[in-house]
Amino acid sequence: MDGKSPHKGWHSRGFLPHLDVAGEVQALTFRLADALPADVIRRWRREMDDEDDGKRLKRLHQMIARYEDAGHGSCCLGEPECAEIVQNALLHFDGERYRLMEWCVMPNHVHVLIHCGHGFALGGVVKSWKTFTARMIHATRGGDGSLWARDYHDRYIRDLDHLANARSYIRNNPVKAGLCGKPEDWAWGSAGVRKTG
């Protein structure tokens, strides 16, 4: 199978609208299944009931990012063997099915800035990463069950300022989380790989 799947255009996965078309740059995050319990998000949403939708959504994304960076859950991606499995999977079809602009494998989540090629829908690309890496990580660690959270967060890049901000956020996430002193020191991200590669 060549991995091709149709692009969905504008669509919904049950809540916010998403855009999946060839050539669009997307910032996405996917996390380990135990990195952010559903009851935590439900509690945050209840606490923000009186806020308008735009403000609530922005605040929720900020809270999620802080929670992820605090290192909750198993954080198995903090193990070099597991981080390497994920990074290698991201790089495997780079330049063929998609173009990676930035990426960063954090201990419990992954950030990617990607430009999908024609015929390779974002959902299919993410599913292939998750399926392959779950199998390899379970083989390495001797585990089984759900490794990744079912969904992922994606956001299409609106303009050059948004692109610059997304690139900076991804490159600097390990620094912000206190995992290294500068982006180039993180071995499981585009800043570190491109420094040595």
Foldseek 3Di string as FASTA:
>chain_A
DLLFDAFDAWDDPPDDIDGWDAFFKKKKKWWWQFQDDPVVLVVLCVVCVPPDPVVSVVVSVVVSLVSNLLPTDPLCCVPVVLLVLLLCLVVVCDVPQKHWPKKARGSTMIITTIRGHHRNTPVSSVVVSLVRSQVVVCVVVVHDDGTIHPDMDMDTQDDDVSVVVSRCCRQCSCCVSVNDPGSCVRCNMPNVVVVVD
